[in-house]
Amino acid sequence: PLFHQGLYEKGVKFAEQTYKESLGLEKSILSVDALIFMARGLINSFNVKQAKMIIKQAEELLATLTEELVINKNRREAQIVFLKGAISDPFNSPKGDVELALKYYKHSLALGESLGDEKMVCNNLLSIAWALAAYKGEIDKGLEYVERNLAFSKEANYKLFISWSLLQKASFYNFKGEVTRSIPLYEQSLAIAKELNHNQLISSNLNNLADAYRMIGETDHALECSEQSLAQISKIGNLKRVAMHYDFLIQILIEKGDLEGAQQYFNHLEQLNKQLKDKTINLSYLYNKALI
């Protein structure tokens, strides 16, 4: 629930407390689970450097649990391999290596399939799809993985993964320039995200809808979606995610001729760019500076 609400820092603190309490049990699989949960929260907060250390700690601890059931160890191994992919992913780290990320994701996928771990399968299919389409330009291949995940998620009735799959599918159609085809998919994904009260999913769908409506000239609708998206992501409080949402909003305001409003949001983006010193945000800052 904490991650659904985008409260990643609270999730990390909860995992840290659980880890400390688990140490009283000597060497325990619970300690590994707490470290894995901690690493997930750190990655979602873009704190890859610290996550890398936690993942190593989890891996080393898992190796010492010689009396643990093999299936339990294999499940944690699959999760750790997935996390290694996540910290290698260019989405999470500006210094990421997409080929290395794909290697880990595919290994984790194979482990997940052999274990019958449906959630692990879904996580990896989505991650592979995004890496292929967004960072290698292999959109059709990415769509194949998304369709596979969508079918799998519907069969298992995993609403969370259905929503993520629809969001990715819509994004890939956007990449292909098929904007009108993407909008109904964003709307479907958004409806499920609202049902789940998943702040990040709601915000991502609204943000992408804003850009889609902008591209077809519906700037009023685009502005409405963009402002709602920013309000939603602000609940999470992660500054990088907030900064990422200024991008489309500034462009929409410029297209509407509201240069004063665009300048105000650009000033916010400029402050965050100085504060975060992040390559992805800096690119957005430079692009919007040129537009302004």
Protein backbone atom coordinates (compact mmCIF):
# COMPACT_ATOMS: atom_id res chain seq x y z
CA PRO A 1 0.00 0.00 0.00
CA LEU A 2 2.83 2.45 0.74
CA PHE A 3 4.29 1.95 -2.73
CA HIS A 4 0.81 2.26 -4.31
CA GLN A 5 0.56 5.68 -2.71
CA GLY A 6 4.07 6.55 -3.90
CA LEU A 7 5.33 6.80 -0.32
CA TYR A 8 8.68 5.24 -1.15
CA GLU A 9 10.67 6.91 1.63
CA LYS A 10 8.18 5.70 4.25
CA GLY A 11 8.41 2.25 2.69
CA VAL A 12 12.19 2.29 3.03
CA LYS A 13 11.96 3.34 6.70
CA PHE A 14 9.43 0.57 7.37
CA ALA A 15 11.75 -1.96 5.70
CA GLU A 16 14.73 -0.70 7.71
CA GLN A 17 12.79 -1.19 10.95
CA THR A 18 11.68 -4.67 9.87
CA TYR A 19 15.28 -5.55 9.00
CA LYS A 20 16.54 -4.42 12.42
CA GLU A 21 13.86 -6.46 14.18
CA SER A 22 14.61 -9.52 12.03
CA LEU A 23 18.25 -9.51 13.17
CA GLY A 24 17.00 -10.85 16.50
CA LEU A 25 16.11 -14.06 14.65
CA GLU A 26 19.78 -14.53 13.69
CA LYS A 27 20.09 -15.40 9.99
CA SER A 28 16.58 -15.25 8.56
CA ILE A 29 14.88 -15.12 5.17
CA LEU A 30 12.85 -12.25 6.66
CA SER A 31 16.02 -10.14 6.73
CA VAL A 32 16.52 -10.79 3.01
CA ASP A 33 12.90 -9.81 2.30
CA ALA A 34 13.32 -6.56 4.24
CA LEU A 35 16.48 -5.71 2.29
CA ILE A 36 14.75 -6.46 -1.02
CA PHE A 37 11.81 -4.23 -0.05
CA MET A 38 14.24 -1.51 1.01
CA ALA A 39 16.07 -1.70 -2.34
CA ARG A 40 12.77 -1.42 -4.24
CA GLY A 41 11.88 1.77 -2.39
CA LEU A 42 15.32 3.26 -2.97
CA ILE A 43 15.18 2.49 -6.70
CA ASN A 44 11.73 4.07 -7.00
CA SER A 45 13.20 7.14 -5.28
CA PHE A 46 16.06 7.09 -7.83
CA ASN A 47 18.58 6.42 -5.05
CA VAL A 48 20.43 3.81 -7.11
CA LYS A 49 23.79 4.10 -5.37
CA GLN A 50 22.39 3.13 -1.97
CA ALA A 51 20.11 0.50 -3.54
CA LYS A 52 23.14 -1.18 -5.10
CA MET A 53 24.74 -1.63 -1.66
CA ILE A 54 21.51 -3.01 -0.18
CA ILE A 55 21.13 -5.49 -3.06
CA LYS A 56 24.66 -6.74 -2.50
CA GLN A 57 23.92 -7.13 1.21
CA ALA A 58 20.75 -9.12 0.43
CA GLU A 59 22.60 -11.36 -2.02
CA GLU A 60 25.40 -12.09 0.44
CA LEU A 61 22.95 -12.83 3.26
CA LEU A 62 20.90 -15.15 1.05
CA ALA A 63 24.03 -17.15 0.23
CA THR A 64 24.57 -17.88 3.94
CA LEU A 65 21.08 -19.36 4.48
CA THR A 66 22.16 -22.94 3.82
CA GLU A 67 19.28 -24.50 5.75
CA GLU A 68 16.54 -22.53 3.97
CA LEU A 69 14.28 -24.36 1.49
CA VAL A 70 15.63 -24.20 -2.08
CA ILE A 71 12.37 -22.81 -3.50
CA ASN A 72 12.39 -19.96 -0.96
CA LYS A 73 15.98 -19.09 -1.85
CA ASN A 74 15.22 -19.26 -5.58
CA ARG A 75 12.30 -16.84 -5.20
CA ARG A 76 14.56 -14.30 -3.50
CA GLU A 77 17.26 -14.87 -6.09
CA ALA A 78 14.77 -14.02 -8.86
CA GLN A 79 13.87 -10.79 -7.04
CA ILE A 80 17.51 -9.84 -6.50
CA VAL A 81 18.34 -10.45 -10.17
CA PHE A 82 15.36 -8.25 -11.12
CA LEU A 83 16.65 -5.49 -8.83
CA LYS A 84 20.07 -5.75 -10.48
CA GLY A 85 18.30 -5.11 -13.77
CA ALA A 86 16.47 -2.13 -12.28
CA ILE A 87 19.65 -0.42 -11.06
CA SER A 88 21.20 -0.99 -14.50
CA ASP A 89 18.14 0.43 -16.28
CA PRO A 90 18.67 3.88 -17.88
CA PHE A 91 15.23 4.91 -16.58
CA ASN A 92 16.46 4.65 -13.00
CA SER A 93 20.10 5.60 -13.53
CA PRO A 94 21.56 8.16 -15.99
CA LYS A 95 24.64 5.92 -16.20
CA GLY A 96 22.51 2.86 -16.92
CA ASP A 97 23.36 0.13 -19.40
CA VAL A 98 20.28 -1.09 -21.28
CA GLU A 99 21.95 -4.29 -22.48
CA LEU A 100 23.00 -5.21 -18.95
CA ALA A 101 19.51 -4.40 -17.66
CA LEU A 102 17.94 -6.63 -20.32
CA LYS A 103 20.33 -9.46 -19.43
CA TYR A 104 19.24 -9.34 -15.78
CA TYR A 105 15.54 -8.93 -16.61
CA LYS A 106 15.55 -11.92 -18.95
CA HIS A 107 17.39 -14.04 -16.37
CA SER A 108 14.88 -13.01 -13.68
CA LEU A 109 12.01 -13.73 -16.08
CA ALA A 110 13.30 -17.27 -16.66
CA LEU A 111 13.60 -17.80 -12.90
CA GLY A 112 10.11 -16.40 -12.33
CA GLU A 113 8.61 -18.66 -14.98
CA SER A 114 10.33 -21.76 -13.56
CA LEU A 115 8.98 -20.89 -10.10
CA GLY A 116 5.49 -20.05 -11.31
CA ASP A 117 5.91 -16.60 -9.74
CA GLU A 118 3.30 -14.62 -11.69
CA LYS A 119 4.14 -11.20 -10.24
CA MET A 120 7.82 -11.64 -11.02
CA VAL A 121 6.93 -12.65 -14.59
CA CYS A 122 4.79 -9.51 -14.99
CA ASN A 123 7.45 -7.18 -13.56
CA ASN A 124 10.07 -8.54 -15.93
CA LEU A 125 7.88 -8.55 -19.04
CA LEU A 126 7.04 -4.87 -18.49
CA SER A 127 10.66 -3.94 -17.77
CA ILE A 128 11.92 -5.74 -20.87
CA ALA A 129 9.22 -4.09 -22.99
CA TRP A 130 10.15 -0.59 -21.81
CA ALA A 131 13.88 -1.14 -22.21
CA LEU A 132 13.41 -2.38 -25.78
CA ALA A 133 11.01 0.35 -26.91
CA ALA A 134 12.24 3.40 -24.99
CA TYR A 135 16.00 2.84 -25.03
CA LYS A 136 16.65 0.65 -28.07
CA GLY A 137 13.91 1.98 -30.33
CA GLU A 138 12.56 -1.54 -30.88
CA ILE A 139 8.93 -0.52 -30.43
CA ASP A 140 7.32 -3.50 -32.14
CA LYS A 141 9.37 -5.91 -30.02
CA GLY A 142 8.38 -3.92 -26.95
CA LEU A 143 4.73 -4.20 -27.96
CA GLU A 144 5.07 -7.99 -28.21
CA TYR A 145 6.21 -8.16 -24.59
CA VAL A 146 3.44 -5.78 -23.47
CA GLU A 147 0.77 -7.82 -25.26
CA ARG A 148 2.15 -10.96 -23.67
CA ASN A 149 2.00 -9.34 -20.24
CA LEU A 150 -1.47 -7.92 -20.82
CA ALA A 151 -2.84 -11.36 -21.72
CA PHE A 152 -1.06 -12.94 -18.75
CA SER A 153 -2.30 -10.24 -16.33
CA LYS A 154 -5.90 -10.49 -17.53
CA GLU A 155 -5.85 -14.26 -17.11
CA ALA A 156 -4.52 -13.87 -13.55
CA ASN A 157 -6.80 -10.84 -12.92
CA TYR A 158 -3.86 -8.70 -11.75
CA LYS A 159 -5.42 -5.25 -12.07
CA LEU A 160 -2.19 -3.46 -11.22
CA PHE A 161 -0.30 -5.12 -14.07
CA ILE A 162 -3.25 -4.72 -16.45
CA SER A 163 -3.10 -0.98 -15.79
CA TRP A 164 0.69 -0.81 -16.26
CA SER A 165 0.41 -2.86 -19.47
CA LEU A 166 -2.25 -0.55 -20.92
CA LEU A 167 -0.12 2.48 -20.00
CA GLN A 168 2.92 1.03 -21.76
CA LYS A 169 0.93 -0.08 -24.78
CA ALA A 170 -0.50 3.43 -25.12
CA SER A 171 2.98 4.96 -24.75
CA PHE A 172 4.37 2.73 -27.49
CA TYR A 173 1.58 3.76 -29.88
CA ASN A 174 2.48 7.35 -29.02
CA PHE A 175 6.11 6.58 -29.93
CA LYS A 176 4.84 5.31 -33.30
CA GLY A 177 2.86 8.52 -33.85
CA GLU A 178 -0.50 6.76 -33.46
CA VAL A 179 -1.73 9.27 -30.89
CA THR A 180 -5.50 8.81 -31.28
CA ARG A 181 -5.00 5.07 -30.80
CA SER A 182 -3.18 5.68 -27.52
CA ILE A 183 -5.79 7.88 -25.80
CA PRO A 184 -8.46 5.19 -25.10
CA LEU A 185 -5.73 2.94 -23.67
CA TYR A 186 -4.54 5.69 -21.31
CA GLU A 187 -8.17 6.22 -20.22
CA GLN A 188 -8.62 2.49 -19.51
CA SER A 189 -5.37 2.37 -17.54
CA LEU A 190 -6.30 5.53 -15.61
CA ALA A 191 -9.67 4.10 -14.57
CA ILE A 192 -7.99 1.03 -13.06
CA ALA A 193 -5.27 3.15 -11.42
CA LYS A 194 -7.95 5.28 -9.73
CA GLU A 195 -9.74 2.14 -8.56
CA LEU A 196 -6.45 0.95 -7.01
CA ASN A 197 -5.65 4.43 -5.64
CA HIS A 198 -2.17 4.12 -7.16
CA ASN A 199 -0.79 7.67 -7.14
CA GLN A 200 2.12 7.08 -9.50
CA LEU A 201 -0.01 5.23 -12.07
CA ILE A 202 -2.71 7.90 -11.93
CA SER A 203 -0.13 10.65 -12.40
CA SER A 204 1.70 8.86 -15.24
CA ASN A 205 -1.51 8.29 -17.17
CA LEU A 206 -2.66 11.89 -16.72
CA ASN A 207 0.75 13.21 -17.75
CA ASN A 208 0.84 11.09 -20.89
CA LEU A 209 -2.77 11.94 -21.69
CA ALA A 210 -1.85 15.62 -21.44
CA ASP A 211 0.86 15.19 -24.06
CA ALA A 212 -1.41 13.12 -26.30
CA TYR A 213 -4.16 15.76 -26.20
CA ARG A 214 -1.56 18.47 -26.86
CA MET A 215 -0.37 16.60 -29.95
CA ILE A 216 -3.88 16.55 -31.44
CA GLY A 217 -4.48 20.21 -30.62
CA GLU A 218 -6.83 19.77 -27.64
CA THR A 219 -4.82 22.11 -25.42
CA ASP A 220 -7.60 22.85 -22.90
CA HIS A 221 -8.04 19.16 -22.17
CA ALA A 222 -4.26 18.75 -22.17
CA LEU A 223 -3.81 21.50 -19.57
CA GLU A 224 -6.50 20.00 -17.33
CA CYS A 225 -4.79 16.58 -17.40
CA SER A 226 -1.34 18.09 -16.86
CA GLU A 227 -2.39 20.13 -13.82
CA GLN A 228 -4.14 17.09 -12.30
CA SER A 229 -1.03 15.00 -12.95
CA LEU A 230 1.23 17.51 -11.21
CA ALA A 231 -1.12 17.67 -8.21
CA GLN A 232 -1.12 13.87 -8.01
CA ILE A 233 2.66 13.45 -8.27
CA SER A 234 3.19 16.18 -5.67
CA LYS A 235 1.50 13.87 -3.13
CA ILE A 236 4.41 11.47 -3.59
CA GLY A 237 6.92 14.21 -2.84
CA ASN A 238 9.82 12.82 -4.91
CA LEU A 239 11.39 15.92 -6.45
CA LYS A 240 12.72 14.20 -9.57
CA ARG A 241 9.27 12.87 -10.41
CA VAL A 242 7.78 16.33 -9.83
CA ALA A 243 10.43 17.90 -12.09
CA MET A 244 9.67 15.36 -14.84
CA HIS A 245 6.04 16.51 -14.86
CA TYR A 246 6.87 20.17 -15.51
CA ASP A 247 8.05 19.25 -19.02
CA PHE A 248 4.69 18.72 -20.76
CA LEU A 249 2.97 21.40 -18.66
CA ILE A 250 5.39 24.10 -19.84
CA GLN A 251 4.99 23.04 -23.47
CA ILE A 252 1.18 23.06 -23.22
CA LEU A 253 1.14 26.56 -21.71
CA ILE A 254 3.44 27.82 -24.47
CA GLU A 255 1.13 26.38 -27.14
CA LYS A 256 -1.84 28.05 -25.42
CA GLY A 257 0.03 31.36 -25.50
CA ASP A 258 0.26 31.59 -21.71
CA LEU A 259 3.92 32.57 -21.62
CA GLU A 260 3.65 34.01 -18.11
CA GLY A 261 2.35 30.71 -16.74
CA ALA A 262 4.99 28.78 -18.69
CA GLN A 263 7.71 31.03 -17.25
CA GLN A 264 6.48 30.44 -13.69
CA TYR A 265 6.67 26.66 -14.05
CA PHE A 266 9.99 26.97 -15.84
CA ASN A 267 11.34 28.89 -12.83
CA HIS A 268 10.28 25.95 -10.62
CA LEU A 269 12.00 23.54 -13.02
CA GLU A 270 15.15 25.68 -12.98
CA GLN A 271 15.28 25.56 -9.17
CA LEU A 272 14.82 21.78 -9.13
CA ASN A 273 17.47 21.36 -11.83
CA LYS A 274 19.99 23.22 -9.67
CA GLN A 275 18.98 21.21 -6.62
CA LEU A 276 18.87 17.73 -8.17
CA LYS A 277 21.88 17.92 -10.52
CA ASP A 278 20.31 15.10 -12.57
CA LYS A 279 21.17 14.53 -16.25
CA THR A 280 17.61 13.65 -17.27
CA ILE A 281 16.16 16.73 -15.59
CA ASN A 282 18.93 18.90 -17.02
CA LEU A 283 18.01 17.79 -20.56
CA SER A 284 14.39 18.70 -19.88
CA TYR A 285 15.50 22.04 -18.44
CA LEU A 286 17.66 22.89 -21.48
CA TYR A 287 14.91 21.89 -23.92
CA ASN A 288 12.28 23.98 -22.16
CA LYS A 289 14.71 26.88 -21.80
CA ALA A 290 15.05 26.90 -25.58
CA LEU A 291 11.25 26.84 -25.97
CA ILE A 292 10.77 29.69 -23.50
